[in-house]
Amino acid sequence: MVTAILLLGLCFVVGGVALLDRTWQSSISEQVPSGALPAAVALNGISTTSCAT
Protein backbone atom coordinates (compact mmCIF):
# COMPACT_ATOMS: atom_id res chain seq x y z
CA MET A 1 0.00 0.00 0.00
CA VAL A 2 1.29 3.45 -0.92
CA THR A 3 1.35 5.98 1.87
CA ALA A 4 1.05 9.71 1.39
CA ILE A 5 4.67 10.28 2.37
CA LEU A 6 5.90 7.66 -0.11
CA LEU A 7 3.83 9.21 -2.89
CA LEU A 8 5.16 12.67 -2.08
CA GLY A 9 8.73 11.35 -2.09
CA LEU A 10 8.24 9.68 -5.47
CA CYS A 11 6.89 12.93 -6.92
CA PHE A 12 10.04 14.76 -5.82
CA VAL A 13 12.26 12.05 -7.34
CA VAL A 14 10.46 12.17 -10.68
CA GLY A 15 10.58 15.97 -10.70
CA GLY A 16 14.30 15.94 -10.01
CA VAL A 17 14.93 13.53 -12.88
CA ALA A 18 12.95 15.78 -15.22
CA LEU A 19 15.09 18.78 -14.28
CA LEU A 20 18.32 16.84 -14.77
CA ASP A 21 17.16 15.60 -18.17
CA ARG A 22 16.79 19.17 -19.47
CA THR A 23 20.22 20.06 -18.14
CA TRP A 24 21.74 17.05 -19.86
CA GLN A 25 20.08 17.96 -23.18
CA SER A 26 21.41 21.50 -23.05
CA SER A 27 25.00 20.32 -22.52
CA ILE A 28 25.21 18.06 -25.58
CA SER A 29 27.15 20.64 -27.57
CA GLU A 30 29.92 20.56 -24.95
CA GLN A 31 30.14 16.75 -24.91
CA VAL A 32 30.09 15.94 -28.63
CA PRO A 33 32.36 17.20 -31.43
CA SER A 34 30.67 19.68 -33.77
CA GLY A 35 30.72 17.23 -36.69
CA ALA A 36 28.71 14.67 -34.74
CA LEU A 37 26.32 17.17 -33.17
CA PRO A 38 23.34 16.62 -35.54
CA ALA A 39 23.48 12.86 -34.96
CA ALA A 40 23.81 13.31 -31.19
CA VAL A 41 20.81 15.64 -31.07
CA ALA A 42 18.76 13.17 -33.14
CA LEU A 43 19.71 10.25 -30.88
CA ASN A 44 18.89 12.27 -27.79
CA GLY A 45 15.47 13.09 -29.23
CA ILE A 46 14.84 9.44 -30.02
CA SER A 47 15.75 8.39 -26.48
CA THR A 48 13.51 11.06 -24.98
CA THR A 49 10.60 10.06 -27.20
CA SER A 50 11.02 6.34 -26.54
CA CYS A 51 11.04 6.94 -22.78
CA ALA A 52 7.82 8.95 -22.99
CA THR A 53 5.84 6.18 -24.65
C-alpha atoms as a PDB file:
ATOM      1  CA  MET A   1       0.000   0.000   0.000  1.00  0.00           C
ATOM      2  CA  VAL A   2       1.288   3.445  -0.920  1.00  0.00           C
ATOM      3  CA  THR A   3       1.346   5.977   1.874  1.00  0.00           C
ATOM      4  CA  ALA A   4       1.047   9.714   1.388  1.00  0.00           C
ATOM      5  CA  ILE A   5       4.670  10.284   2.372  1.00  0.00           C
ATOM      6  CA  LEU A   6       5.905   7.655  -0.109  1.00  0.00           C
ATOM      7  CA  LEU A   7       3.827   9.208  -2.888  1.00  0.00           C
ATOM      8  CA  LEU A   8       5.158  12.665  -2.082  1.00  0.00           C
ATOM      9  CA  GLY A   9       8.726  11.355  -2.094  1.00  0.00           C
ATOM     10  CA  LEU A  10       8.244   9.683  -5.470  1.00  0.00           C
ATOM     11  CA  CYS A  11       6.887  12.934  -6.916  1.00  0.00           C
ATOM     12  CA  PHE A  12      10.043  14.758  -5.817  1.00  0.00           C
ATOM     13  CA  VAL A  13      12.263  12.054  -7.339  1.00  0.00           C
ATOM     14  CA  VAL A  14      10.460  12.171 -10.685  1.00  0.00           C
ATOM     15  CA  GLY A  15      10.585  15.972 -10.700  1.00  0.00           C
ATOM     16  CA  GLY A  16      14.304  15.938 -10.009  1.00  0.00           C
ATOM     17  CA  VAL A  17      14.935  13.532 -12.876  1.00  0.00           C
ATOM     18  CA  ALA A  18      12.951  15.781 -15.225  1.00  0.00           C
ATOM     19  CA  LEU A  19      15.089  18.776 -14.282  1.00  0.00           C
ATOM     20  CA  LEU A  20      18.323  16.836 -14.775  1.00  0.00           C
ATOM     21  CA  ASP A  21      17.161  15.604 -18.174  1.00  0.00           C
ATOM     22  CA  ARG A  22      16.788  19.167 -19.474  1.00  0.00           C
ATOM     23  CA  THR A  23      20.218  20.057 -18.144  1.00  0.00           C
ATOM     24  CA  TRP A  24      21.744  17.048 -19.862  1.00  0.00           C
ATOM     25  CA  GLN A  25      20.085  17.962 -23.177  1.00  0.00           C
ATOM     26  CA  SER A  26      21.411  21.504 -23.054  1.00  0.00           C
ATOM     27  CA  SER A  27      24.998  20.323 -22.518  1.00  0.00           C
ATOM     28  CA  ILE A  28      25.207  18.055 -25.585  1.00  0.00           C
ATOM     29  CA  SER A  29      27.151  20.645 -27.565  1.00  0.00           C
ATOM     30  CA  GLU A  30      29.918  20.556 -24.946  1.00  0.00           C
ATOM     31  CA  GLN A  31      30.144  16.755 -24.906  1.00  0.00           C
ATOM     32  CA  VAL A  32      30.089  15.943 -28.633  1.00  0.00           C
ATOM     33  CA  PRO A  33      32.356  17.201 -31.426  1.00  0.00           C
ATOM     34  CA  SER A  34      30.667  19.684 -33.772  1.00  0.00           C
ATOM     35  CA  GLY A  35      30.722  17.228 -36.689  1.00  0.00           C
ATOM     36  CA  ALA A  36      28.710  14.669 -34.738  1.00  0.00           C
ATOM     37  CA  LEU A  37      26.318  17.175 -33.168  1.00  0.00           C
ATOM     38  CA  PRO A  38      23.335  16.621 -35.539  1.00  0.00           C
ATOM     39  CA  ALA A  39      23.477  12.860 -34.961  1.00  0.00           C
ATOM     40  CA  ALA A  40      23.814  13.308 -31.193  1.00  0.00           C
ATOM     41  CA  VAL A  41      20.812  15.640 -31.069  1.00  0.00           C
ATOM     42  CA  ALA A  42      18.760  13.166 -33.138  1.00  0.00           C
ATOM     43  CA  LEU A  43      19.711  10.251 -30.885  1.00  0.00           C
ATOM     44  CA  ASN A  44      18.888  12.268 -27.795  1.00  0.00           C
ATOM     45  CA  GLY A  45      15.474  13.091 -29.232  1.00  0.00           C
ATOM     46  CA  ILE A  46      14.838   9.440 -30.016  1.00  0.00           C
ATOM     47  CA  SER A  47      15.749   8.391 -26.482  1.00  0.00           C
ATOM     48  CA  THR A  48      13.507  11.064 -24.983  1.00  0.00           C
ATOM     49  CA  THR A  49      10.597  10.061 -27.201  1.00  0.00           C
ATOM     50  CA  SER A  50      11.016   6.344 -26.536  1.00  0.00           C
ATOM     51  CA  CYS A  51      11.039   6.941 -22.783  1.00  0.00           C
ATOM     52  CA  ALA A  52       7.823   8.948 -22.991  1.00  0.00           C
ATOM     53  CA  THR A  53       5.836   6.175 -24.649  1.00  0.00           C
END
